Amino acid sequence: MAITFELVNGEKPASDDFTAWVPGWWYRTAGLPLKTGDLSGRYLWILAGWFLSEEQPSVVIERFLKNGDVETLFNADGQFLLVIYDRSWRSVKIYRDRTGMLPLVYGSGKKGFACSIWIENVRSLTGIEGKASKEVLDELPVYRITLPPASIIDKVKSLSGKCSLNIDDKGFTLNEHPMVPSKDTRYNTLKAASDDFGETLSKSVIKRIDGLKDIGVWLSGGNDSSLLVALLRKYFNGNVSTIFVTFEDYDRDYRKYAREVASRFETDHSEVVVGVKDYLNLWAKTIHIIQEPINGPGTIGQVAALKQVSPSVEILLHGDGADTIFGGPYWAPMLYMSYLGGALPRPFRRYLTHVSKNMHEKSFLFKAIAKSLKALGTSLKDYLHSEIVFGAEEQIDEVFVRETWRHTVDDFQRHIKGDPLSDVLLFLLLHWHSIWIGSFKRLGFYFDVPYVFPFMDYELLKYSVRLPVHLRYHYATKKAPLMKYAEGFFNKRFIYKPKEGFGVPLKKWFYLPDSTPFLNLPLEERSLRRGWWKENELKKVIDLHKSGQGTDESAESIPWITTNLELWARICLEGDSPDLYKLSS
């Protein structure tokens, strides 16, 4: 069995590996630490996963139950699910770490209630039918995920780090625990912010590697993952394995930088190059593993690499989260231009947006001009949204039957109540990011090697929300405190190199005959009967890419996402074997 945790209320589960807990409740776990306890004869608890606090779990839980302050749990940090049964109220409450490191979904069906790391396990334990939720078409084409509490399956919900779940005789309810950022700005200089950041990140790494002997790192050659390798070598005496993944035919990657880091810090380095046939053959398999649509084309490369990871590796460190903590998705000059554009008349802003969309980005200069016009023509709230989404607004609304884009923008605005940038970063940290990395976590659990995200440390999260914008983007440098801290490990040439990205050459691959059967899947009668997209509009887009006239960016939008959704529907909703969707040898 893959790494998992399940909790069930209702019918006794058919599987004999469940343990009876309190009347009507059962649980099981595999591959995760599990502790149980009883406090004062009133509270029984189960802890799946682990705290990173130096205190014993029972001490942390007892203090939480006495003072009722959920920050007691959040400050313990880690990757955990805490279940507490209150005998007085005959209720069960489920808490999790603030940054949502363990994916958790739950639901209630004809067999009762269940929660699990795995979507399919909730369905089988509750009897919930495999029906796509409306959020699959409202949110997933834009965000590549569905935002909590929604999930991809109707009647199955996801629990974010912002909420706890209460289950009693009346049903289950969410209790929200909003994070209130401190208004006391501690940092007046970049050096002060960088020093504090470095100390906190070092502690984050040390806490997560304590007691281990063999650690792996996803090494892209970028600053985030390279810094993790450097810190490992500073604080860890065991074996370090680094894994670099790239895609054949992709003309821009960090291979040489990954090799430079691996050589300097003497890691056991391996490289995985994924070709088009391997990629296509792993597409359905990856969906089958994570039990949901893939959130990004590059995820398939991790599956190819995980097959080659040494079985001695105890955890895999991942650099994801640094952009979210430090605002990396945004380019500071564009934020300021969007803000300044607010002084322009609305018709003129619409005109600038129209011009930017019709500019052909033939060079870096044209691309910069187009981005600048877009920023000037877009309100700050909408611009912040546009930088965390995928695909083009017009094309998504033309192809999908719902008014997908406008719906997501309107829903997104609910999260912006004060300072737009700070509110968006909190939205990403507490809602978006934990769901985004859920796919990575499930991949690791499937291959029995947990992923660990040092940048998603709770102390770093609290540090981030106190960081003023002028230091976050010092002289327009993205993630300026991180860059400054990295200067203690790497030279400036390495740190301030152009960002290449880690893309998949979908434009080239979709032009190849091997891709044609996959691109045609959303246009088959079986698919069109679902009514998710408009046949004629979708065919235009797919034909464009089959003729080689698209771009990597546009390929990653409509043709990739519709094929991705179709494969998910066939495998996870209708029970097709992933082996049906492979190229013939």
Protein backbone atom coordinates (compact mmCIF):
# COMPACT_ATOMS: atom_id res chain seq x y z
CA MET A 1 0.00 0.00 0.00
CA ALA A 2 1.23 3.53 -0.78
CA ILE A 3 1.82 5.98 2.10
CA THR A 4 -1.63 6.88 3.41
CA PHE A 5 -3.94 7.79 6.27
CA GLU A 6 -7.69 7.10 6.42
CA LEU A 7 -10.39 7.87 8.98
CA VAL A 8 -13.90 6.41 8.64
CA ASN A 9 -17.23 6.91 10.40
CA GLY A 10 -20.29 4.84 9.46
CA GLU A 11 -20.21 1.34 8.05
CA LYS A 12 -17.37 -0.81 9.30
CA PRO A 13 -14.77 -0.88 6.50
CA ALA A 14 -14.47 -4.18 4.68
CA SER A 15 -10.68 -4.11 4.87
CA ASP A 16 -9.24 -5.82 7.95
CA ASP A 17 -6.29 -3.42 8.26
CA PHE A 18 -8.48 -0.74 9.91
CA THR A 19 -8.22 -0.22 13.68
CA ALA A 20 -11.31 0.49 15.78
CA TRP A 21 -10.96 3.80 17.63
CA VAL A 22 -14.10 5.17 19.33
CA PRO A 23 -17.63 3.84 18.71
CA GLY A 24 -18.38 4.02 14.99
CA TRP A 25 -14.88 5.21 14.01
CA TRP A 26 -11.98 3.37 12.39
CA TYR A 27 -8.57 4.43 11.09
CA ARG A 28 -5.59 3.01 9.23
CA THR A 29 -2.20 4.28 8.18
CA ALA A 30 0.76 3.12 6.13
CA GLY A 31 4.20 4.68 5.86
CA LEU A 32 3.42 7.59 8.21
CA PRO A 33 4.31 7.88 11.91
CA LEU A 34 1.20 7.39 14.05
CA LYS A 35 0.68 8.28 17.70
CA THR A 36 -2.47 8.05 19.81
CA GLY A 37 -3.35 9.35 23.26
CA ASP A 38 -6.00 10.04 25.89
CA LEU A 39 -6.14 13.30 27.84
CA SER A 40 -8.08 13.84 31.07
CA GLY A 41 -10.52 11.08 30.22
CA ARG A 42 -12.29 13.50 27.87
CA TYR A 43 -10.16 13.76 24.72
CA LEU A 44 -8.78 10.95 22.58
CA TRP A 45 -6.40 11.89 19.78
CA ILE A 46 -4.62 10.47 16.75
CA LEU A 47 -1.58 12.15 15.20
CA ALA A 48 -0.66 11.01 11.69
CA GLY A 49 2.62 12.47 10.43
CA TRP A 50 4.90 14.52 12.64
CA PHE A 51 5.44 17.80 14.44
CA LEU A 52 8.76 19.62 14.00
CA SER A 53 8.58 20.95 17.55
CA GLU A 54 11.24 19.77 20.00
CA GLU A 55 8.44 19.01 22.46
CA GLN A 56 6.70 15.66 22.60
CA PRO A 57 3.45 15.57 20.59
CA SER A 58 1.45 14.83 23.74
CA VAL A 59 2.77 18.05 25.36
CA VAL A 60 1.83 20.17 22.34
CA ILE A 61 -1.63 18.62 22.09
CA GLU A 62 -2.31 18.97 25.82
CA ARG A 63 -1.35 22.67 25.75
CA PHE A 64 -3.58 23.22 22.72
CA LEU A 65 -6.57 21.57 24.35
CA LYS A 66 -6.08 23.64 27.51
CA ASN A 67 -5.63 27.05 25.90
CA GLY A 68 -7.75 26.49 22.78
CA ASP A 69 -5.33 28.50 20.63
CA VAL A 70 -4.86 26.76 17.29
CA GLU A 71 -1.59 28.67 16.81
CA THR A 72 -0.15 26.18 19.29
CA LEU A 73 -0.50 23.53 16.62
CA PHE A 74 0.54 25.74 13.73
CA ASN A 75 3.72 26.79 15.54
CA ALA A 76 4.61 23.12 16.05
CA ASP A 77 4.79 22.97 12.23
CA GLY A 78 5.58 19.75 10.36
CA GLN A 79 3.46 17.48 8.21
CA PHE A 80 0.57 16.29 10.32
CA LEU A 81 -3.10 15.48 10.60
CA LEU A 82 -4.45 15.67 14.14
CA VAL A 83 -7.80 14.03 14.96
CA ILE A 84 -9.43 14.75 18.34
CA TYR A 85 -12.54 13.06 19.78
CA ASP A 86 -14.39 14.99 22.48
CA ARG A 87 -16.37 12.59 24.67
CA SER A 88 -18.46 15.42 26.15
CA TRP A 89 -19.69 16.68 22.79
CA ARG A 90 -19.33 13.36 20.95
CA SER A 91 -17.64 15.20 18.13
CA VAL A 92 -14.49 14.71 16.09
CA LYS A 93 -12.26 17.57 14.95
CA ILE A 94 -9.52 17.33 12.35
CA TYR A 95 -6.63 19.79 12.29
CA ARG A 96 -3.63 19.99 10.01
CA ASP A 97 -0.41 21.95 9.72
CA ARG A 98 -0.90 25.55 8.59
CA THR A 99 0.77 25.11 5.20
CA GLY A 100 -1.18 21.94 4.38
CA MET A 101 1.75 19.62 3.72
CA LEU A 102 -0.29 16.42 3.81
CA PRO A 103 -3.05 16.49 1.16
CA LEU A 104 -6.42 15.66 2.70
CA VAL A 105 -9.84 15.16 1.11
CA TYR A 106 -13.09 14.15 2.77
CA GLY A 107 -16.70 13.39 1.99
CA SER A 108 -19.92 11.75 3.10
CA GLY A 109 -21.89 9.17 1.11
CA LYS A 110 -24.24 6.24 1.57
CA LYS A 111 -21.60 4.31 3.57
CA GLY A 112 -20.79 7.21 5.89
CA PHE A 113 -17.98 9.74 6.29
CA ALA A 114 -14.32 9.30 5.37
CA CYS A 115 -11.19 11.38 4.95
CA SER A 116 -7.98 10.32 3.27
CA ILE A 117 -4.84 11.47 1.50
CA TRP A 118 -6.22 9.70 -1.60
CA ILE A 119 -9.33 10.79 -3.50
CA GLU A 120 -10.25 7.30 -4.69
CA ASN A 121 -10.09 5.95 -1.14
CA VAL A 122 -12.67 8.50 0.03
CA ARG A 123 -14.92 7.47 -2.83
CA SER A 124 -14.66 3.75 -2.13
CA LEU A 125 -15.05 4.13 1.65
CA THR A 126 -18.14 6.38 1.36
CA GLY A 127 -19.80 5.13 -1.82
CA ILE A 128 -19.57 8.56 -3.50
CA GLU A 129 -20.00 8.31 -7.27
CA GLY A 130 -17.25 9.42 -9.59
CA LYS A 131 -18.88 12.57 -10.91
CA ALA A 132 -16.86 15.62 -11.96
CA SER A 133 -17.42 18.72 -9.85
CA LYS A 134 -18.37 22.01 -11.48
CA GLU A 135 -15.06 23.46 -10.26
CA VAL A 136 -13.22 21.20 -12.71
CA LEU A 137 -14.55 23.46 -15.47
CA ASP A 138 -14.69 26.68 -13.44
CA GLU A 139 -11.22 26.67 -11.92
CA LEU A 140 -9.00 23.94 -13.28
CA PRO A 141 -8.60 25.34 -16.82
CA VAL A 142 -7.37 28.59 -15.27
CA TYR A 143 -5.47 27.52 -12.14
CA ARG A 144 -4.72 23.86 -13.04
CA ILE A 145 -6.17 23.03 -9.61
CA THR A 146 -9.47 23.43 -7.79
CA LEU A 147 -9.32 25.67 -4.74
CA PRO A 148 -10.38 24.48 -1.26
CA PRO A 149 -12.87 23.45 -0.15
CA ALA A 150 -13.75 22.33 -3.69
CA SER A 151 -12.18 19.29 -5.29
CA ILE A 152 -12.33 17.62 -8.67
CA ILE A 153 -15.04 15.15 -7.59
CA ASP A 154 -18.57 16.20 -6.70
CA LYS A 155 -19.30 15.72 -2.96
CA VAL A 156 -15.60 15.31 -2.13
CA LYS A 157 -13.97 18.33 -0.47
CA SER A 158 -10.39 19.31 0.30
CA LEU A 159 -9.17 20.72 3.60
CA SER A 160 -6.80 23.68 3.46
CA GLY A 161 -4.37 24.74 6.16
CA LYS A 162 -6.65 27.67 6.88
CA CYS A 163 -9.45 25.47 8.25
CA SER A 164 -10.22 22.65 10.64
CA LEU A 165 -13.08 20.19 10.20
CA ASN A 166 -15.75 19.37 12.80
CA ILE A 167 -17.87 16.19 12.53
CA ASP A 168 -20.83 15.49 14.81
CA ASP A 169 -24.40 14.16 14.66
CA LYS A 170 -25.46 17.17 12.60
CA GLY A 171 -22.87 16.58 9.86
CA PHE A 172 -19.54 18.25 9.21
CA THR A 173 -18.61 21.91 9.22
CA LEU A 174 -15.49 23.94 8.45
CA ASN A 175 -13.98 26.23 11.06
CA GLU A 176 -11.79 28.95 9.57
CA HIS A 177 -8.60 30.06 11.30
CA PRO A 178 -7.51 33.18 9.41
CA MET A 179 -3.92 34.30 9.68
CA VAL A 180 -3.61 37.92 10.75
CA PRO A 181 -0.30 39.38 9.55
CA SER A 182 1.66 41.40 12.07
CA LYS A 183 1.58 45.13 11.35
CA ASP A 184 5.00 45.55 12.94
CA THR A 185 7.53 45.62 10.09
CA ARG A 186 10.79 44.30 11.48
CA TYR A 187 13.01 44.92 8.48
CA ASN A 188 14.52 48.26 7.48
CA THR A 189 17.36 47.02 5.28
CA LEU A 190 17.85 44.22 2.79
CA LYS A 191 20.75 42.84 4.84
CA ALA A 192 18.61 42.58 7.99
CA ALA A 193 15.87 40.79 6.06
CA SER A 194 18.38 38.51 4.35
CA ASP A 195 20.13 37.57 7.60
CA ASP A 196 16.85 36.75 9.31
CA PHE A 197 15.67 34.80 6.28
CA GLY A 198 18.90 32.81 6.15
CA GLU A 199 18.73 31.89 9.82
CA THR A 200 15.09 30.83 9.55
CA LEU A 201 15.67 28.79 6.38
CA SER A 202 18.67 27.07 7.96
CA LYS A 203 16.52 26.08 10.95
CA SER A 204 13.84 24.84 8.58
CA VAL A 205 16.29 22.56 6.80
CA ILE A 206 17.88 21.31 10.04
CA LYS A 207 14.48 20.41 11.54
CA ARG A 208 13.50 18.43 8.46
CA ILE A 209 16.67 16.34 8.13
CA ASP A 210 17.18 15.44 11.78
CA GLY A 211 18.06 11.76 12.20
CA LEU A 212 18.28 10.97 8.47
CA LYS A 213 21.18 9.34 6.64
CA ASP A 214 20.32 9.52 2.93
CA ILE A 215 18.57 12.52 1.39
CA GLY A 216 17.58 13.36 -2.18
CA VAL A 217 17.07 16.81 -3.70
CA TRP A 218 15.27 17.83 -6.87
CA LEU A 219 18.03 19.99 -8.36
CA SER A 220 16.94 22.25 -11.21
CA GLY A 221 20.05 24.42 -11.19
CA GLY A 222 18.01 27.44 -10.11
CA ASN A 223 18.72 29.37 -6.93
CA ASP A 224 16.07 27.76 -4.74
CA SER A 225 17.05 24.10 -5.13
CA SER A 226 20.77 24.95 -5.33
CA LEU A 227 20.54 26.77 -2.01
CA LEU A 228 18.95 23.69 -0.43
CA VAL A 229 21.90 21.57 -1.60
CA ALA A 230 24.35 24.11 -0.15
CA LEU A 231 22.55 24.12 3.21
CA LEU A 232 22.45 20.33 3.27
CA ARG A 233 26.20 20.18 2.85
CA LYS A 234 26.58 22.71 5.66
CA TYR A 235 24.40 20.90 8.18
CA PHE A 236 24.20 17.27 7.01
CA ASN A 237 26.93 14.62 7.05
CA GLY A 238 25.06 11.84 5.26
CA ASN A 239 24.72 11.00 1.58
CA VAL A 240 23.11 13.58 -0.70
CA SER A 241 21.62 12.53 -4.04
CA THR A 242 20.58 15.16 -6.58
CA ILE A 243 18.19 14.55 -9.48
CA PHE A 244 17.93 16.80 -12.52
CA VAL A 245 15.06 16.39 -14.99
CA THR A 246 14.81 17.90 -18.45
CA PHE A 247 12.95 17.26 -21.68
CA GLU A 248 14.39 16.27 -25.02
CA ASP A 249 14.18 19.01 -27.69
CA TYR A 250 13.84 21.76 -25.06
CA ASP A 251 16.46 24.31 -26.05
CA ARG A 252 16.71 26.11 -22.70
CA ASP A 253 17.50 24.37 -19.42
CA TYR A 254 19.77 24.63 -16.39
CA ARG A 255 21.64 21.37 -16.93
CA LYS A 256 25.08 22.98 -16.75
CA TYR A 257 24.17 24.84 -13.56
CA ALA A 258 22.82 21.68 -11.92
CA ARG A 259 26.06 19.90 -12.80
CA GLU A 260 28.07 22.80 -11.39
CA VAL A 261 26.21 22.61 -8.06
CA ALA A 262 26.39 18.81 -7.90
CA SER A 263 30.13 18.84 -8.59
CA ARG A 264 30.91 21.59 -6.11
CA PHE A 265 28.98 19.97 -3.27
CA GLU A 266 29.95 16.41 -4.26
CA THR A 267 26.49 14.91 -4.56
CA ASP A 268 25.51 11.62 -6.13
CA HIS A 269 24.06 13.28 -9.23
CA SER A 270 21.77 11.79 -11.86
CA GLU A 271 20.08 13.29 -14.92
CA VAL A 272 16.85 12.16 -16.50
CA VAL A 273 16.03 13.24 -20.05
CA VAL A 274 12.41 12.59 -21.04
CA GLY A 275 11.63 12.16 -24.74
CA VAL A 276 8.28 12.61 -26.42
CA LYS A 277 7.38 8.90 -26.47
CA ASP A 278 8.25 8.42 -22.81
CA TYR A 279 6.28 11.55 -21.97
CA LEU A 280 3.15 10.46 -23.82
CA ASN A 281 3.34 6.94 -22.40
CA LEU A 282 3.59 8.29 -18.85
CA TRP A 283 0.75 10.82 -19.18
CA ALA A 284 -2.10 8.46 -18.30
CA LYS A 285 0.05 6.62 -15.75
CA THR A 286 0.75 9.87 -13.89
CA ILE A 287 -2.96 10.72 -13.73
CA HIS A 288 -3.68 7.22 -12.45
CA ILE A 289 -1.10 7.66 -9.67
CA ILE A 290 -2.20 11.07 -8.38
CA GLN A 291 -5.92 10.40 -9.07
CA GLU A 292 -6.52 13.86 -10.50
CA PRO A 293 -5.67 15.91 -13.59
CA ILE A 294 -1.98 16.81 -13.71
CA ASN A 295 -1.32 20.39 -12.59
CA GLY A 296 1.56 21.05 -14.99
CA PRO A 297 3.24 19.39 -17.97
CA GLY A 298 6.55 19.07 -16.11
CA THR A 299 5.04 16.81 -13.44
CA ILE A 300 5.31 13.84 -15.80
CA GLY A 301 9.09 14.28 -15.74
CA GLN A 302 9.08 13.62 -11.99
CA VAL A 303 7.40 10.25 -12.54
CA ALA A 304 10.11 9.30 -15.02
CA ALA A 305 12.77 10.30 -12.48
CA LEU A 306 11.14 8.70 -9.43
CA LYS A 307 11.52 5.30 -11.05
CA GLN A 308 15.28 5.82 -10.86
CA VAL A 309 15.57 7.28 -7.35
CA SER A 310 17.65 5.09 -5.07
CA PRO A 311 15.51 3.08 -2.61
CA SER A 312 17.86 4.21 0.18
CA VAL A 313 16.74 7.84 -0.17
CA GLU A 314 14.57 8.64 2.87
CA ILE A 315 13.12 11.98 1.73
CA LEU A 316 13.23 14.25 -1.32
CA LEU A 317 13.75 17.95 -0.72
CA HIS A 318 11.88 20.22 -3.12
CA GLY A 319 12.53 23.94 -3.69
CA ASP A 320 8.89 24.73 -4.44
CA GLY A 321 7.43 27.43 -2.23
CA ALA A 322 10.23 30.00 -2.48
CA ASP A 323 8.41 31.94 -5.18
CA THR A 324 5.23 31.93 -3.13
CA ILE A 325 6.98 33.01 0.07
CA PHE A 326 8.91 35.82 -1.60
CA GLY A 327 6.64 36.95 -4.41
CA GLY A 328 8.64 35.45 -7.25
CA PRO A 329 5.73 35.21 -9.72
CA TYR A 330 5.62 38.99 -10.00
CA TRP A 331 7.98 41.36 -11.77
CA ALA A 332 8.11 44.53 -9.66
CA PRO A 333 8.11 47.11 -12.51
CA MET A 334 4.93 45.57 -13.89
CA LEU A 335 3.23 45.80 -10.50
CA TYR A 336 4.09 49.48 -10.28
CA MET A 337 2.90 50.12 -13.84
CA SER A 338 -0.41 48.44 -13.12
CA TYR A 339 -0.75 50.57 -9.99
CA LEU A 340 0.13 53.79 -11.83
CA GLY A 341 -2.20 52.88 -14.68
CA GLY A 342 -5.08 53.37 -12.25
CA ALA A 343 -4.82 57.09 -12.97
CA LEU A 344 -5.61 56.55 -16.65
CA PRO A 345 -9.18 56.75 -18.01
CA ARG A 346 -10.80 53.33 -18.20
CA PRO A 347 -11.38 53.43 -22.01
CA PHE A 348 -7.69 54.21 -22.55
CA ARG A 349 -6.67 51.31 -20.29
CA ARG A 350 -8.88 48.98 -22.33
CA TYR A 351 -7.22 50.26 -25.49
CA LEU A 352 -3.73 49.56 -24.08
CA THR A 353 -4.79 46.04 -23.16
CA HIS A 354 -6.14 45.49 -26.68
CA VAL A 355 -2.87 46.68 -28.22
CA SER A 356 -0.78 44.43 -25.94
CA LYS A 357 -2.80 41.37 -26.95
CA ASN A 358 -2.26 42.05 -30.63
CA MET A 359 1.48 42.64 -30.48
CA HIS A 360 3.57 39.86 -31.98
CA GLU A 361 6.30 39.09 -29.45
CA LYS A 362 9.11 38.55 -31.95
CA SER A 363 11.91 39.77 -29.68
CA PHE A 364 12.63 40.49 -26.03
CA LEU A 365 11.94 44.19 -26.67
CA PHE A 366 8.52 43.53 -28.17
CA LYS A 367 7.73 41.13 -25.33
CA ALA A 368 8.71 43.75 -22.74
CA ILE A 369 6.59 46.41 -24.48
CA ALA A 370 3.60 44.06 -24.65
CA LYS A 371 3.93 43.21 -20.95
CA SER A 372 4.21 46.91 -20.04
CA LEU A 373 1.10 47.84 -22.01
CA LYS A 374 -0.79 44.94 -20.44
CA ALA A 375 0.21 46.10 -16.96
CA LEU A 376 -0.78 49.72 -17.64
CA GLY A 377 -4.12 48.61 -19.02
CA THR A 378 -5.01 46.18 -16.21
CA SER A 379 -6.21 47.03 -12.72
CA LEU A 380 -3.84 45.87 -9.98
CA LYS A 381 -6.27 43.27 -8.63
CA ASP A 382 -6.78 41.75 -12.07
CA TYR A 383 -3.07 41.98 -12.89
CA LEU A 384 -2.15 40.08 -9.73
CA HIS A 385 -4.62 37.40 -10.79
CA SER A 386 -3.32 37.26 -14.36
CA GLU A 387 0.19 36.35 -13.16
CA ILE A 388 -0.88 33.18 -11.34
CA VAL A 389 -3.12 31.70 -14.03
CA PHE A 390 -2.49 29.69 -17.19
CA GLY A 391 -3.77 30.18 -20.70
CA ALA A 392 -5.35 33.11 -22.49
CA GLU A 393 -8.66 34.53 -21.27
CA GLU A 394 -10.28 34.72 -24.71
CA GLN A 395 -9.28 31.24 -25.79
CA ILE A 396 -10.42 29.58 -22.57
CA ASP A 397 -13.83 31.25 -22.73
CA GLU A 398 -14.15 30.48 -26.44
CA VAL A 399 -13.45 26.77 -26.00
CA PHE A 400 -15.05 25.89 -22.65
CA VAL A 401 -18.83 26.03 -22.35
CA ARG A 402 -18.80 27.96 -19.06
CA GLU A 403 -17.67 31.57 -18.58
CA THR A 404 -14.64 30.20 -16.87
CA TRP A 405 -12.30 33.17 -16.74
CA ARG A 406 -14.70 35.81 -15.43
CA HIS A 407 -15.97 33.42 -12.78
CA THR A 408 -12.47 32.75 -11.42
CA VAL A 409 -11.55 36.46 -11.41
CA ASP A 410 -14.71 37.41 -9.50
CA ASP A 411 -14.13 34.62 -6.98
CA PHE A 412 -10.48 35.60 -6.61
CA GLN A 413 -11.41 39.20 -5.69
CA ARG A 414 -13.01 37.95 -2.45
CA HIS A 415 -9.55 37.26 -1.08
CA ILE A 416 -8.33 40.85 -1.60
CA LYS A 417 -9.62 43.02 1.23
CA GLY A 418 -6.70 45.28 2.11
CA ASP A 419 -3.25 45.53 0.58
CA PRO A 420 -3.56 43.68 -2.77
CA LEU A 421 -0.07 42.14 -2.91
CA SER A 422 -0.02 40.98 0.71
CA ASP A 423 -3.52 39.54 0.40
CA VAL A 424 -2.61 37.68 -2.79
CA LEU A 425 0.50 36.19 -1.17
CA LEU A 426 -1.61 34.97 1.75
CA PHE A 427 -4.13 33.55 -0.70
CA LEU A 428 -1.34 31.65 -2.44
CA LEU A 429 0.19 30.41 0.80
CA LEU A 430 -2.98 29.26 2.54
CA HIS A 431 -5.21 28.19 -0.37
CA TRP A 432 -3.44 27.74 -3.66
CA HIS A 433 0.01 26.40 -2.92
CA SER A 434 -0.82 23.48 -0.64
CA ILE A 435 -3.20 22.13 -3.28
CA TRP A 436 -0.68 22.74 -6.06
CA ILE A 437 2.00 20.65 -4.33
CA GLY A 438 -0.56 17.98 -3.42
CA SER A 439 0.19 16.23 -6.71
CA PHE A 440 3.89 16.14 -5.89
CA LYS A 441 3.17 14.78 -2.42
CA ARG A 442 1.03 11.98 -3.82
CA LEU A 443 3.73 11.07 -6.32
CA GLY A 444 6.21 10.74 -3.49
CA PHE A 445 3.77 8.72 -1.39
CA TYR A 446 3.13 6.36 -4.29
CA PHE A 447 6.86 5.71 -4.67
CA ASP A 448 7.37 5.58 -0.88
CA VAL A 449 9.67 8.61 -0.72
CA PRO A 450 8.04 11.63 0.97
CA TYR A 451 8.61 15.10 -0.46
CA VAL A 452 9.75 17.81 1.96
CA PHE A 453 9.39 21.55 1.29
CA PRO A 454 11.74 23.61 3.53
CA PHE A 455 10.53 26.89 2.01
CA MET A 456 7.01 26.17 3.26
CA ASP A 457 8.12 26.35 6.88
CA TYR A 458 5.57 28.16 9.05
CA GLU A 459 8.19 30.54 10.46
CA LEU A 460 9.18 31.48 6.92
CA LEU A 461 5.54 32.07 6.07
CA LYS A 462 5.20 34.47 9.01
CA TYR A 463 8.46 36.11 8.02
CA SER A 464 7.17 36.62 4.49
CA VAL A 465 4.00 38.47 5.43
CA ARG A 466 6.08 40.98 7.43
CA LEU A 467 8.40 41.71 4.52
CA PRO A 468 7.77 45.15 2.96
CA VAL A 469 7.42 45.37 -0.80
CA HIS A 470 10.47 47.60 -1.27
CA LEU A 471 12.67 44.84 0.22
CA ARG A 472 10.85 41.98 -1.43
CA TYR A 473 11.64 43.60 -4.80
CA HIS A 474 14.83 45.47 -3.92
CA TYR A 475 15.84 47.44 -7.06
CA ALA A 476 13.29 45.32 -8.97
CA THR A 477 15.11 42.07 -8.10
CA LYS A 478 12.63 39.27 -7.50
CA LYS A 479 13.00 37.49 -4.15
CA ALA A 480 15.71 39.97 -3.18
CA PRO A 481 16.36 38.66 0.40
CA LEU A 482 16.79 35.13 -0.92
CA MET A 483 19.19 36.32 -3.61
CA LYS A 484 21.19 38.32 -1.06
CA TYR A 485 21.45 35.34 1.28
CA ALA A 486 22.52 33.07 -1.57
CA GLU A 487 25.56 35.32 -2.14
CA GLY A 488 27.10 33.60 0.86
CA PHE A 489 27.16 30.33 -1.09
CA PHE A 490 27.38 31.23 -4.80
CA ASN A 491 28.93 33.96 -6.93
CA LYS A 492 26.78 36.69 -8.43
CA ARG A 493 27.10 35.24 -11.94
CA PHE A 494 25.32 32.12 -10.73
CA ILE A 495 22.70 33.89 -8.61
CA TYR A 496 21.66 36.59 -11.06
CA LYS A 497 21.70 34.47 -14.22
CA PRO A 498 18.65 34.80 -16.51
CA LYS A 499 15.78 32.56 -15.48
CA GLU A 500 15.35 29.91 -18.18
CA GLY A 501 12.28 28.13 -16.94
CA PHE A 502 11.73 24.40 -16.86
CA GLY A 503 9.35 23.87 -19.72
CA VAL A 504 8.26 20.99 -21.89
CA PRO A 505 8.68 21.57 -25.66
CA LEU A 506 4.99 21.02 -26.34
CA LYS A 507 4.99 23.12 -29.50
CA LYS A 508 7.52 20.77 -31.14
CA TRP A 509 6.00 17.62 -29.68
CA PHE A 510 2.40 18.41 -30.61
CA TYR A 511 3.50 18.76 -34.23
CA LEU A 512 4.79 15.17 -34.23
CA PRO A 513 2.56 12.28 -35.40
CA ASP A 514 3.05 10.51 -32.05
CA SER A 515 1.01 13.23 -30.34
CA THR A 516 -1.94 13.12 -32.73
CA PRO A 517 -3.89 10.30 -30.99
CA PHE A 518 -3.65 12.15 -27.68
CA LEU A 519 -4.67 15.53 -29.08
CA ASN A 520 -7.64 13.89 -30.80
CA LEU A 521 -9.02 12.38 -27.56
CA PRO A 522 -11.07 15.49 -26.57
CA LEU A 523 -12.65 15.54 -30.04
CA GLU A 524 -13.89 11.95 -29.96
CA GLU A 525 -17.62 11.36 -29.61
CA ARG A 526 -17.13 9.84 -26.17
CA SER A 527 -15.61 13.09 -25.00
CA LEU A 528 -17.98 15.49 -26.75
CA ARG A 529 -20.99 13.83 -25.12
CA ARG A 530 -19.87 15.31 -21.79
CA GLY A 531 -20.47 18.80 -23.15
CA TRP A 532 -17.39 20.29 -21.50
CA TRP A 533 -16.12 22.19 -24.55
CA LYS A 534 -17.22 23.43 -27.95
CA GLU A 535 -16.17 21.06 -30.71
CA ASN A 536 -15.59 23.60 -33.50
CA GLU A 537 -13.59 26.03 -31.36
CA LEU A 538 -11.49 23.26 -29.84
CA LYS A 539 -10.79 21.71 -33.23
CA LYS A 540 -9.45 25.03 -34.53
CA VAL A 541 -6.96 25.24 -31.69
CA ILE A 542 -5.85 21.62 -31.92
CA ASP A 543 -5.48 21.77 -35.70
CA LEU A 544 -3.33 24.87 -35.30
CA HIS A 545 -0.91 22.98 -33.05
CA LYS A 546 -0.96 19.82 -35.15
CA SER A 547 0.19 21.99 -38.05
CA GLY A 548 3.09 23.37 -35.97
CA GLN A 549 1.83 26.95 -35.82
CA GLY A 550 1.31 27.22 -32.07
CA THR A 551 3.69 28.24 -29.29
CA ASP A 552 4.79 26.40 -26.13
CA GLU A 553 2.63 28.78 -24.09
CA SER A 554 -0.49 28.24 -26.17
CA ALA A 555 0.14 24.48 -26.38
CA GLU A 556 0.19 24.36 -22.59
CA SER A 557 -3.22 25.99 -22.51
CA ILE A 558 -6.12 24.51 -24.49
CA PRO A 559 -4.74 21.39 -26.23
CA TRP A 560 -2.77 20.18 -23.20
CA ILE A 561 -5.45 20.91 -20.60
CA THR A 562 -8.33 19.39 -22.60
CA THR A 563 -6.34 16.20 -23.30
CA ASN A 564 -5.34 16.15 -19.64
CA LEU A 565 -8.96 16.46 -18.50
CA GLU A 566 -10.12 13.84 -20.96
CA LEU A 567 -7.54 11.30 -19.80
CA TRP A 568 -8.54 11.97 -16.19
CA ALA A 569 -12.24 11.49 -16.98
CA ARG A 570 -11.61 8.18 -18.72
CA ILE A 571 -9.22 6.78 -16.11
CA CYS A 572 -10.58 8.14 -12.81
CA LEU A 573 -14.29 8.56 -13.58
CA GLU A 574 -14.91 5.76 -16.05
CA GLY A 575 -12.34 3.17 -14.97
CA ASP A 576 -10.18 2.86 -18.09
CA SER A 577 -6.77 1.31 -17.61
CA PRO A 578 -3.92 3.79 -18.17
CA ASP A 579 -2.29 1.09 -20.31
CA LEU A 580 -4.89 1.84 -22.99
CA TYR A 581 -3.26 5.22 -23.57
CA LYS A 582 0.22 4.32 -24.70
CA LEU A 583 1.90 4.45 -28.06
CA SER A 584 2.03 1.11 -29.81
CA SER A 585 5.54 -0.34 -29.88
